[in-house]
Amino acid sequence: MEQHNSYFIDMFGQRSDLLALTVVENPYPYNPLIDGLDLLVLLIATGEAAKESTEHIQYNGERALIRTIHEAHLQRWIASGENRNIIEWLVRGEIVLDRDGYLADIRERLLSFPESMREQKQLVEFIGFLRTYLHAKQDLLDGHLLDAYGHVLTALQHWAHIVLVEEGKHPELTVWKQIKRIHPGVYKLFEELTASPETLEQRVQLVMLACEFSVMNKMKSCCNMLFKIMQGKEEPWSIAELQACPDIERLGVDLTLVIHKLVKRSYLKEVAVMHDNSASGELELRYVVVQ
């Protein structure tokens, strides 16, 4: 491994835009963690001129995936869970180059999993849960049973992620093995949905009922990050202002659905205000936290 590291330092170390370089080894013949290759070389770049890229090379008899990502893209991956491999890459990889301790600091935050990071994950997972749960509900009403099954299975996975984050755990790739140890109740619902002798419709309805009572009650706690942002000013927020907020923007989520549900549950108040310079008299909907 030391020979590999020296080679990659020589290859990339002079790049002025390079913040950090980490190498992840693949111990198995095939592992989706790094797409089946022998090594992943992750380059983290910064600056407006930094370009993201993917390259495959062969060195010393091994195949390596060279992946360059921008610092901002990495932060979005971590915050949103868009790439579920990223946590393992950053925790398991060997740090070969690390300017100003950038990567070491990220690794420390991931391992300690501070409250701010948990709140980000909870909001993202709850929004994902809400959307897929409502899709499943509509599919069931429309008689699209297989689509309802697919959506409720995804909703259940979001629920599992919420539970793990509440326990201070990062959701792993093998999430059901993980949840079986930590929350047998949620795992039991997974078994009921996928392996119960009851009809498919009965299984879907059972899990949706459990979702309705259990996860919807987590709405307030899962949206705590959003409430904190909105309490940062006294004036009501427009949806555009919320979406443009840096802490929300980096999550890559659409707040429309969750805002609507928070209003329905009386956690937020909807306020109609006159549009600036409006000639037609339309009102803009804005939102404020109910104290």
C-alpha atoms as a PDB file:
ATOM      1  CA  MET A   1       0.000   0.000   0.000  1.00  0.00           C
ATOM      2  CA  GLU A   2       2.895   2.339   0.767  1.00  0.00           C
ATOM      3  CA  GLN A   3       4.134   1.933  -2.801  1.00  0.00           C
ATOM      4  CA  HIS A   4       0.655   2.851  -4.087  1.00  0.00           C
ATOM      5  CA  ASN A   5       0.539   5.912  -1.877  1.00  0.00           C
ATOM      6  CA  SER A   6       3.923   7.195  -3.074  1.00  0.00           C
ATOM      7  CA  TYR A   7       2.837   6.724  -6.675  1.00  0.00           C
ATOM      8  CA  PHE A   8      -0.381   8.706  -6.195  1.00  0.00           C
ATOM      9  CA  ILE A   9       1.419  11.450  -4.282  1.00  0.00           C
ATOM     10  CA  ASP A  10       3.858  11.804  -7.178  1.00  0.00           C
ATOM     11  CA  MET A  11       0.972  11.746  -9.645  1.00  0.00           C
ATOM     12  CA  PHE A  12      -1.343  14.279  -7.998  1.00  0.00           C
ATOM     13  CA  GLY A  13       0.517  15.960  -5.127  1.00  0.00           C
ATOM     14  CA  GLN A  14       1.569  19.031  -7.135  1.00  0.00           C
ATOM     15  CA  ARG A  15      -2.001  20.051  -7.989  1.00  0.00           C
ATOM     16  CA  SER A  16      -2.630  23.475  -6.489  1.00  0.00           C
ATOM     17  CA  ASP A  17      -6.400  22.864  -6.234  1.00  0.00           C
ATOM     18  CA  LEU A  18      -6.038  19.578  -4.331  1.00  0.00           C
ATOM     19  CA  LEU A  19      -7.245  19.669  -0.714  1.00  0.00           C
ATOM     20  CA  ALA A  20      -6.934  15.997   0.145  1.00  0.00           C
ATOM     21  CA  LEU A  21      -6.328  12.528  -1.245  1.00  0.00           C
ATOM     22  CA  THR A  22      -7.516   9.263   0.270  1.00  0.00           C
ATOM     23  CA  VAL A  23      -7.149   5.669  -0.952  1.00  0.00           C
ATOM     24  CA  VAL A  24      -9.706   2.933  -0.294  1.00  0.00           C
ATOM     25  CA  GLU A  25      -8.751  -0.713  -0.855  1.00  0.00           C
ATOM     26  CA  ASN A  26     -11.260  -3.357  -1.977  1.00  0.00           C
ATOM     27  CA  PRO A  27     -10.753  -6.558   0.041  1.00  0.00           C
ATOM     28  CA  TYR A  28     -13.293  -8.612  -1.953  1.00  0.00           C
ATOM     29  CA  PRO A  29     -13.503  -9.923  -5.551  1.00  0.00           C
ATOM     30  CA  TYR A  30     -16.512  -7.686  -6.074  1.00  0.00           C
ATOM     31  CA  ASN A  31     -17.737  -5.000  -3.730  1.00  0.00           C
ATOM     32  CA  PRO A  32     -20.147  -2.232  -4.755  1.00  0.00           C
ATOM     33  CA  LEU A  33     -18.367   0.071  -2.310  1.00  0.00           C
ATOM     34  CA  ILE A  34     -15.874   1.009  -5.042  1.00  0.00           C
ATOM     35  CA  ASP A  35     -17.654  -0.489  -8.055  1.00  0.00           C
ATOM     36  CA  GLY A  36     -15.647  -3.694  -8.218  1.00  0.00           C
ATOM     37  CA  LEU A  37     -12.190  -2.216  -8.809  1.00  0.00           C
ATOM     38  CA  ASP A  38      -9.161  -2.890  -6.610  1.00  0.00           C
ATOM     39  CA  LEU A  39      -8.592   0.657  -5.394  1.00  0.00           C
ATOM     40  CA  LEU A  40     -10.476   3.919  -5.147  1.00  0.00           C
ATOM     41  CA  VAL A  41      -8.369   7.065  -5.206  1.00  0.00           C
ATOM     42  CA  LEU A  42     -10.546   9.946  -4.047  1.00  0.00           C
ATOM     43  CA  LEU A  43      -9.261  13.429  -4.840  1.00  0.00           C
ATOM     44  CA  ILE A  44     -10.989  16.372  -3.177  1.00  0.00           C
ATOM     45  CA  ALA A  45     -10.467  19.624  -5.049  1.00  0.00           C
ATOM     46  CA  THR A  46     -11.395  23.229  -4.343  1.00  0.00           C
ATOM     47  CA  GLY A  47     -11.739  26.477  -6.266  1.00  0.00           C
ATOM     48  CA  GLU A  48     -13.881  27.579  -9.201  1.00  0.00           C
ATOM     49  CA  ALA A  49     -11.501  26.054 -11.752  1.00  0.00           C
ATOM     50  CA  ALA A  50     -11.541  22.585 -10.156  1.00  0.00           C
ATOM     51  CA  LYS A  51     -13.053  19.988 -12.482  1.00  0.00           C
ATOM     52  CA  GLU A  52     -14.748  16.786 -11.404  1.00  0.00           C
ATOM     53  CA  SER A  53     -13.753  13.631 -13.264  1.00  0.00           C
ATOM     54  CA  THR A  54     -13.698   9.835 -13.233  1.00  0.00           C
ATOM     55  CA  GLU A  55     -10.833   7.749 -14.617  1.00  0.00           C
ATOM     56  CA  HIS A  56      -9.856   4.061 -14.617  1.00  0.00           C
ATOM     57  CA  ILE A  57      -6.155   3.158 -14.614  1.00  0.00           C
ATOM     58  CA  GLN A  58      -4.068   0.046 -14.115  1.00  0.00           C
ATOM     59  CA  TYR A  59      -0.997   0.275 -11.920  1.00  0.00           C
ATOM     60  CA  ASN A  60       1.243  -2.504 -10.642  1.00  0.00           C
ATOM     61  CA  GLY A  61      -1.279  -5.164 -11.664  1.00  0.00           C
ATOM     62  CA  GLU A  62      -4.272  -3.510  -9.950  1.00  0.00           C
ATOM     63  CA  ARG A  63      -7.165  -1.536 -11.374  1.00  0.00           C
ATOM     64  CA  ALA A  64      -7.876   1.805  -9.748  1.00  0.00           C
ATOM     65  CA  LEU A  65     -10.809   4.186  -9.924  1.00  0.00           C
ATOM     66  CA  ILE A  66      -9.545   7.776  -9.816  1.00  0.00           C
ATOM     67  CA  ARG A  67     -12.382  10.058  -8.797  1.00  0.00           C
ATOM     68  CA  THR A  68     -12.082  13.810  -8.409  1.00  0.00           C
ATOM     69  CA  ILE A  69     -14.892  15.651  -6.635  1.00  0.00           C
ATOM     70  CA  HIS A  70     -15.278  19.276  -5.631  1.00  0.00           C
ATOM     71  CA  GLU A  71     -15.254  20.176  -1.951  1.00  0.00           C
ATOM     72  CA  ALA A  72     -18.806  21.582  -2.213  1.00  0.00           C
ATOM     73  CA  HIS A  73     -20.037  18.369  -3.869  1.00  0.00           C
ATOM     74  CA  LEU A  74     -18.466  16.302  -1.078  1.00  0.00           C
ATOM     75  CA  GLN A  75     -20.204  18.397   1.568  1.00  0.00           C
ATOM     76  CA  ARG A  76     -23.523  17.920  -0.231  1.00  0.00           C
ATOM     77  CA  TRP A  77     -23.023  14.155  -0.374  1.00  0.00           C
ATOM     78  CA  ILE A  78     -22.327  14.053   3.356  1.00  0.00           C
ATOM     79  CA  ALA A  79     -25.291  16.253   4.246  1.00  0.00           C
ATOM     80  CA  SER A  80     -27.876  14.730   1.921  1.00  0.00           C
ATOM     81  CA  GLY A  81     -26.952  11.049   1.873  1.00  0.00           C
ATOM     82  CA  GLU A  82     -27.146  11.203  -1.941  1.00  0.00           C
ATOM     83  CA  ASN A  83     -24.112   8.885  -2.187  1.00  0.00           C
ATOM     84  CA  ARG A  84     -24.351   6.339   0.629  1.00  0.00           C
ATOM     85  CA  ASN A  85     -20.817   5.055  -0.038  1.00  0.00           C
ATOM     86  CA  ILE A  86     -19.206   8.353   0.892  1.00  0.00           C
ATOM     87  CA  ILE A  87     -19.240   7.760   4.668  1.00  0.00           C
ATOM     88  CA  GLU A  88     -17.354   4.479   4.308  1.00  0.00           C
ATOM     89  CA  TRP A  89     -14.925   6.009   1.815  1.00  0.00           C
ATOM     90  CA  LEU A  90     -14.018   8.788   4.222  1.00  0.00           C
ATOM     91  CA  VAL A  91     -13.878   6.620   7.353  1.00  0.00           C
ATOM     92  CA  ARG A  92     -12.154   3.523   5.912  1.00  0.00           C
ATOM     93  CA  GLY A  93      -9.817   5.186   3.427  1.00  0.00           C
ATOM     94  CA  GLU A  94      -6.172   5.838   4.141  1.00  0.00           C
ATOM     95  CA  ILE A  95      -5.479   9.569   4.130  1.00  0.00           C
ATOM     96  CA  VAL A  96      -2.467  10.073   1.880  1.00  0.00           C
ATOM     97  CA  LEU A  97      -2.504  13.848   1.536  1.00  0.00           C
ATOM     98  CA  ASP A  98      -4.409  16.278   3.740  1.00  0.00           C
ATOM     99  CA  ARG A  99      -3.786  20.005   3.488  1.00  0.00           C
ATOM    100  CA  ASP A 100      -4.638  21.925   6.665  1.00  0.00           C
ATOM    101  CA  GLY A 101      -6.148  18.749   8.194  1.00  0.00           C
ATOM    102  CA  TYR A 102      -9.263  19.130   6.031  1.00  0.00           C
ATOM    103  CA  LEU A 103     -10.051  15.423   5.670  1.00  0.00           C
ATOM    104  CA  ALA A 104      -9.051  14.516   9.219  1.00  0.00           C
ATOM    105  CA  ASP A 105     -11.520  17.102  10.488  1.00  0.00           C
ATOM    106  CA  ILE A 106     -14.312  15.657   8.322  1.00  0.00           C
ATOM    107  CA  ARG A 107     -13.526  12.133   9.533  1.00  0.00           C
ATOM    108  CA  GLU A 108     -13.619  13.277  13.160  1.00  0.00           C
ATOM    109  CA  ARG A 109     -17.046  14.887  12.610  1.00  0.00           C
ATOM    110  CA  LEU A 110     -18.393  11.770  10.915  1.00  0.00           C
ATOM    111  CA  LEU A 111     -17.224   9.529  13.741  1.00  0.00           C
ATOM    112  CA  SER A 112     -18.576  11.822  16.469  1.00  0.00           C
ATOM    113  CA  PHE A 113     -21.800  12.442  14.459  1.00  0.00           C
ATOM    114  CA  PRO A 114     -22.666  15.787  16.118  1.00  0.00           C
ATOM    115  CA  GLU A 115     -26.231  16.958  16.619  1.00  0.00           C
ATOM    116  CA  SER A 116     -26.089  19.407  13.707  1.00  0.00           C
ATOM    117  CA  MET A 117     -25.219  16.586  11.306  1.00  0.00           C
ATOM    118  CA  ARG A 118     -27.928  14.337  12.767  1.00  0.00           C
ATOM    119  CA  GLU A 119     -30.520  17.075  12.276  1.00  0.00           C
ATOM    120  CA  GLN A 120     -29.518  17.389   8.614  1.00  0.00           C
ATOM    121  CA  LYS A 121     -29.882  13.638   8.103  1.00  0.00           C
ATOM    122  CA  GLN A 122     -33.220  13.503   9.922  1.00  0.00           C
ATOM    123  CA  LEU A 123     -34.686  16.279   7.772  1.00  0.00           C
ATOM    124  CA  VAL A 124     -33.487  14.684   4.531  1.00  0.00           C
ATOM    125  CA  GLU A 125     -34.747  11.217   5.510  1.00  0.00           C
ATOM    126  CA  PHE A 126     -38.101  12.522   6.715  1.00  0.00           C
ATOM    127  CA  ILE A 127     -38.677  14.399   3.466  1.00  0.00           C
ATOM    128  CA  GLY A 128     -37.818  11.206   1.575  1.00  0.00           C
ATOM    129  CA  PHE A 129     -40.131   9.187   3.811  1.00  0.00           C
ATOM    130  CA  LEU A 130     -43.013  11.637   3.437  1.00  0.00           C
ATOM    131  CA  ARG A 131     -42.839  11.702  -0.351  1.00  0.00           C
ATOM    132  CA  THR A 132     -42.645   7.918  -0.829  1.00  0.00           C
ATOM    133  CA  TYR A 133     -45.281   7.228   1.837  1.00  0.00           C
ATOM    134  CA  LEU A 134     -47.760   9.560   0.116  1.00  0.00           C
ATOM    135  CA  HIS A 135     -46.921   8.003  -3.253  1.00  0.00           C
ATOM    136  CA  ALA A 136     -47.733   4.585  -1.776  1.00  0.00           C
ATOM    137  CA  LYS A 137     -50.996   5.902  -0.339  1.00  0.00           C
ATOM    138  CA  GLN A 138     -52.081   7.288  -3.703  1.00  0.00           C
ATOM    139  CA  ASP A 139     -50.998   4.121  -5.542  1.00  0.00           C
ATOM    140  CA  LEU A 140     -53.140   2.060  -3.208  1.00  0.00           C
ATOM    141  CA  LEU A 141     -56.153   4.309  -3.825  1.00  0.00           C
ATOM    142  CA  ASP A 142     -55.589   4.038  -7.581  1.00  0.00           C
ATOM    143  CA  GLY A 143     -55.291   0.246  -7.441  1.00  0.00           C
ATOM    144  CA  HIS A 144     -51.597   0.175  -8.424  1.00  0.00           C
ATOM    145  CA  LEU A 145     -50.631  -2.455  -5.870  1.00  0.00           C
ATOM    146  CA  LEU A 146     -47.091  -3.255  -7.055  1.00  0.00           C
ATOM    147  CA  ASP A 147     -46.206   0.442  -7.248  1.00  0.00           C
ATOM    148  CA  ALA A 148     -47.622   0.907  -3.736  1.00  0.00           C
ATOM    149  CA  TYR A 149     -45.433  -1.982  -2.547  1.00  0.00           C
ATOM    150  CA  GLY A 150     -42.302  -0.435  -4.072  1.00  0.00           C
ATOM    151  CA  HIS A 151     -43.001   2.970  -2.562  1.00  0.00           C
ATOM    152  CA  VAL A 152     -43.864   1.680   0.894  1.00  0.00           C
ATOM    153  CA  LEU A 153     -40.665  -0.406   0.931  1.00  0.00           C
ATOM    154  CA  THR A 154     -38.675   2.762   0.188  1.00  0.00           C
ATOM    155  CA  ALA A 155     -40.626   4.666   2.868  1.00  0.00           C
ATOM    156  CA  LEU A 156     -39.810   1.912   5.352  1.00  0.00           C
ATOM    157  CA  GLN A 157     -36.126   2.243   4.491  1.00  0.00           C
ATOM    158  CA  HIS A 158     -36.278   5.990   5.194  1.00  0.00           C
ATOM    159  CA  TRP A 159     -37.921   5.146   8.537  1.00  0.00           C
ATOM    160  CA  ALA A 160     -35.064   2.765   9.322  1.00  0.00           C
ATOM    161  CA  HIS A 161     -32.560   5.533   8.544  1.00  0.00           C
ATOM    162  CA  ILE A 162     -34.393   7.969  10.846  1.00  0.00           C
ATOM    163  CA  VAL A 163     -34.283   5.432  13.694  1.00  0.00           C
ATOM    164  CA  LEU A 164     -30.554   4.811  13.179  1.00  0.00           C
ATOM    165  CA  VAL A 165     -29.762   8.531  13.154  1.00  0.00           C
ATOM    166  CA  GLU A 166     -31.770   8.948  16.377  1.00  0.00           C
ATOM    167  CA  GLU A 167     -29.490   6.301  17.882  1.00  0.00           C
ATOM    168  CA  GLY A 168     -26.400   8.184  16.737  1.00  0.00           C
ATOM    169  CA  LYS A 169     -25.588   5.710  13.945  1.00  0.00           C
ATOM    170  CA  HIS A 170     -24.827   6.376  10.303  1.00  0.00           C
ATOM    171  CA  PRO A 171     -27.052   4.179   8.086  1.00  0.00           C
ATOM    172  CA  GLU A 172     -24.855   1.536   6.465  1.00  0.00           C
ATOM    173  CA  LEU A 173     -25.224  -0.030   3.019  1.00  0.00           C
ATOM    174  CA  THR A 174     -26.564  -3.218   4.680  1.00  0.00           C
ATOM    175  CA  VAL A 175     -29.202  -1.242   6.545  1.00  0.00           C
ATOM    176  CA  TRP A 176     -31.560  -4.138   7.381  1.00  0.00           C
ATOM    177  CA  LYS A 177     -28.798  -6.143   9.031  1.00  0.00           C
ATOM    178  CA  GLN A 178     -27.974  -3.006  11.003  1.00  0.00           C
ATOM    179  CA  ILE A 179     -31.581  -2.212  11.954  1.00  0.00           C
ATOM    180  CA  LYS A 180     -32.219  -5.808  13.068  1.00  0.00           C
ATOM    181  CA  ARG A 181     -29.670  -5.298  15.858  1.00  0.00           C
ATOM    182  CA  ILE A 182     -30.735  -1.801  16.851  1.00  0.00           C
ATOM    183  CA  HIS A 183     -34.524  -1.688  16.356  1.00  0.00           C
ATOM    184  CA  PRO A 184     -36.144  -5.143  15.973  1.00  0.00           C
ATOM    185  CA  GLY A 185     -39.606  -3.538  15.730  1.00  0.00           C
ATOM    186  CA  VAL A 186     -38.852  -1.780  12.445  1.00  0.00           C
ATOM    187  CA  TYR A 187     -37.115  -4.908  11.152  1.00  0.00           C
ATOM    188  CA  LYS A 188     -40.239  -6.918  12.001  1.00  0.00           C
ATOM    189  CA  LEU A 189     -42.277  -4.598   9.751  1.00  0.00           C
ATOM    190  CA  PHE A 190     -39.752  -5.184   6.962  1.00  0.00           C
ATOM    191  CA  GLU A 191     -40.265  -8.942   7.398  1.00  0.00           C
ATOM    192  CA  GLU A 192     -44.044  -8.487   7.442  1.00  0.00           C
ATOM    193  CA  LEU A 193     -43.911  -6.541   4.193  1.00  0.00           C
ATOM    194  CA  THR A 194     -41.540  -8.843   2.323  1.00  0.00           C
ATOM    195  CA  ALA A 195     -42.161 -12.343   3.712  1.00  0.00           C
ATOM    196  CA  SER A 196     -45.592 -12.509   5.406  1.00  0.00           C
ATOM    197  CA  PRO A 197     -48.097 -15.139   4.114  1.00  0.00           C
ATOM    198  CA  GLU A 198     -50.828 -12.473   3.960  1.00  0.00           C
ATOM    199  CA  THR A 199     -51.866 -10.950   0.645  1.00  0.00           C
ATOM    200  CA  LEU A 200     -49.717  -8.182  -0.835  1.00  0.00           C
ATOM    201  CA  GLU A 201     -52.460  -5.618  -0.251  1.00  0.00           C
ATOM    202  CA  GLN A 202     -52.783  -6.614   3.421  1.00  0.00           C
ATOM    203  CA  ARG A 203     -49.015  -6.347   3.901  1.00  0.00           C
ATOM    204  CA  VAL A 204     -48.852  -2.897   2.297  1.00  0.00           C
ATOM    205  CA  GLN A 205     -51.791  -1.642   4.355  1.00  0.00           C
ATOM    206  CA  LEU A 206     -50.252  -2.955   7.594  1.00  0.00           C
ATOM    207  CA  VAL A 207     -46.946  -1.164   7.045  1.00  0.00           C
ATOM    208  CA  MET A 208     -48.654   2.038   5.913  1.00  0.00           C
ATOM    209  CA  LEU A 209     -50.744   2.046   9.075  1.00  0.00           C
ATOM    210  CA  ALA A 210     -47.589   1.667  11.164  1.00  0.00           C
ATOM    211  CA  CYS A 211     -45.960   4.496   9.181  1.00  0.00           C
ATOM    212  CA  GLU A 212     -48.959   6.756   9.759  1.00  0.00           C
ATOM    213  CA  PHE A 213     -48.837   6.380  13.541  1.00  0.00           C
ATOM    214  CA  SER A 214     -45.102   6.038  14.169  1.00  0.00           C
ATOM    215  CA  VAL A 215     -43.198   8.167  11.679  1.00  0.00           C
ATOM    216  CA  MET A 216     -45.678  11.025  11.375  1.00  0.00           C
ATOM    217  CA  ASN A 217     -45.234  11.519  15.120  1.00  0.00           C
ATOM    218  CA  LYS A 218     -41.550  12.167  14.396  1.00  0.00           C
ATOM    219  CA  MET A 219     -42.365  15.118  12.129  1.00  0.00           C
ATOM    220  CA  LYS A 220     -41.555  17.803  14.685  1.00  0.00           C
ATOM    221  CA  SER A 221     -38.251  16.288  15.826  1.00  0.00           C
ATOM    222  CA  CYS A 222     -37.146  15.465  12.281  1.00  0.00           C
ATOM    223  CA  CYS A 223     -37.789  19.054  11.158  1.00  0.00           C
ATOM    224  CA  ASN A 224     -35.906  20.649  14.060  1.00  0.00           C
ATOM    225  CA  MET A 225     -33.190  21.979  11.750  1.00  0.00           C
ATOM    226  CA  LEU A 226     -35.805  23.748   9.617  1.00  0.00           C
ATOM    227  CA  PHE A 227     -37.452  25.298  12.682  1.00  0.00           C
ATOM    228  CA  LYS A 228     -34.096  26.630  13.914  1.00  0.00           C
ATOM    229  CA  ILE A 229     -33.425  28.274  10.552  1.00  0.00           C
ATOM    230  CA  MET A 230     -36.880  29.845  10.423  1.00  0.00           C
ATOM    231  CA  GLN A 231     -36.591  31.175  13.976  1.00  0.00           C
ATOM    232  CA  GLY A 232     -33.482  33.077  12.878  1.00  0.00           C
ATOM    233  CA  LYS A 233     -35.650  36.008  11.804  1.00  0.00           C
ATOM    234  CA  GLU A 234     -39.003  37.360  12.929  1.00  0.00           C
ATOM    235  CA  GLU A 235     -40.484  37.960   9.471  1.00  0.00           C
ATOM    236  CA  PRO A 236     -42.251  35.108   7.661  1.00  0.00           C
ATOM    237  CA  TRP A 237     -40.187  33.175   5.102  1.00  0.00           C
ATOM    238  CA  SER A 238     -41.079  32.618   1.470  1.00  0.00           C
ATOM    239  CA  ILE A 239     -40.408  29.163   0.050  1.00  0.00           C
ATOM    240  CA  ALA A 240     -37.798  30.728  -2.266  1.00  0.00           C
ATOM    241  CA  GLU A 241     -35.927  32.221   0.703  1.00  0.00           C
ATOM    242  CA  LEU A 242     -35.920  28.877   2.494  1.00  0.00           C
ATOM    243  CA  GLN A 243     -34.711  26.964  -0.559  1.00  0.00           C
ATOM    244  CA  ALA A 244     -31.920  29.525  -1.078  1.00  0.00           C
ATOM    245  CA  CYS A 245     -30.731  29.285   2.534  1.00  0.00           C
ATOM    246  CA  PRO A 246     -27.186  27.771   2.349  1.00  0.00           C
ATOM    247  CA  ASP A 247     -27.900  25.112   5.003  1.00  0.00           C
ATOM    248  CA  ILE A 248     -30.940  23.943   3.015  1.00  0.00           C
ATOM    249  CA  GLU A 249     -29.439  24.369  -0.436  1.00  0.00           C
ATOM    250  CA  ARG A 250     -26.565  21.989   0.307  1.00  0.00           C
ATOM    251  CA  LEU A 251     -29.050  19.250   1.238  1.00  0.00           C
ATOM    252  CA  GLY A 252     -30.514  19.219  -2.269  1.00  0.00           C
ATOM    253  CA  VAL A 253     -34.104  18.791  -1.037  1.00  0.00           C
ATOM    254  CA  ASP A 254     -37.432  20.325  -2.081  1.00  0.00           C
ATOM    255  CA  LEU A 255     -39.221  21.707   0.989  1.00  0.00           C
ATOM    256  CA  THR A 256     -42.643  22.242  -0.606  1.00  0.00           C
ATOM    257  CA  LEU A 257     -44.293  19.030   0.562  1.00  0.00           C
ATOM    258  CA  VAL A 258     -42.923  19.091   4.101  1.00  0.00           C
ATOM    259  CA  ILE A 259     -43.844  22.794   4.501  1.00  0.00           C
ATOM    260  CA  HIS A 260     -47.411  21.945   3.456  1.00  0.00           C
ATOM    261  CA  LYS A 261     -47.601  19.121   6.016  1.00  0.00           C
ATOM    262  CA  LEU A 262     -46.105  21.268   8.782  1.00  0.00           C
ATOM    263  CA  VAL A 263     -48.816  23.872   8.132  1.00  0.00           C
ATOM    264  CA  LYS A 264     -51.495  21.137   8.256  1.00  0.00           C
ATOM    265  CA  ARG A 265     -50.114  19.961  11.601  1.00  0.00           C
ATOM    266  CA  SER A 266     -50.035  23.568  12.912  1.00  0.00           C
ATOM    267  CA  TYR A 267     -46.254  23.566  13.411  1.00  0.00           C
ATOM    268  CA  LEU A 268     -46.033  26.390  10.865  1.00  0.00           C
ATOM    269  CA  LYS A 269     -48.423  29.238  10.172  1.00  0.00           C
ATOM    270  CA  GLU A 270     -49.207  30.283   6.609  1.00  0.00           C
ATOM    271  CA  VAL A 271     -49.269  34.047   6.019  1.00  0.00           C
ATOM    272  CA  ALA A 272     -50.486  35.704   2.799  1.00  0.00           C
ATOM    273  CA  VAL A 273     -48.743  38.978   1.961  1.00  0.00           C
ATOM    274  CA  MET A 274     -49.028  41.381  -0.983  1.00  0.00           C
ATOM    275  CA  HIS A 275     -46.425  40.756  -3.658  1.00  0.00           C
ATOM    276  CA  ASP A 276     -43.927  43.588  -4.132  1.00  0.00           C
ATOM    277  CA  ASN A 277     -44.926  45.784  -7.077  1.00  0.00           C
ATOM    278  CA  SER A 278     -47.816  43.460  -7.875  1.00  0.00           C
ATOM    279  CA  ALA A 279     -50.205  44.915 -10.434  1.00  0.00           C
ATOM    280  CA  SER A 280     -52.675  42.040 -10.404  1.00  0.00           C
ATOM    281  CA  GLY A 281     -53.093  41.851  -6.641  1.00  0.00           C
ATOM    282  CA  GLU A 282     -51.890  38.287  -6.093  1.00  0.00           C
ATOM    283  CA  LEU A 283     -50.760  37.334  -2.608  1.00  0.00           C
ATOM    284  CA  GLU A 284     -47.536  35.520  -1.774  1.00  0.00           C
ATOM    285  CA  LEU A 285     -47.663  32.694   0.780  1.00  0.00           C
ATOM    286  CA  ARG A 286     -45.033  32.923   3.511  1.00  0.00           C
ATOM    287  CA  TYR A 287     -44.425  30.815   6.604  1.00  0.00           C
ATOM    288  CA  VAL A 288     -43.564  31.343  10.238  1.00  0.00           C
ATOM    289  CA  VAL A 289     -42.967  28.932  13.128  1.00  0.00           C
ATOM    290  CA  VAL A 290     -45.878  28.611  15.543  1.00  0.00           C
ATOM    291  CA  GLN A 291     -44.581  29.402  19.009  1.00  0.00           C
END
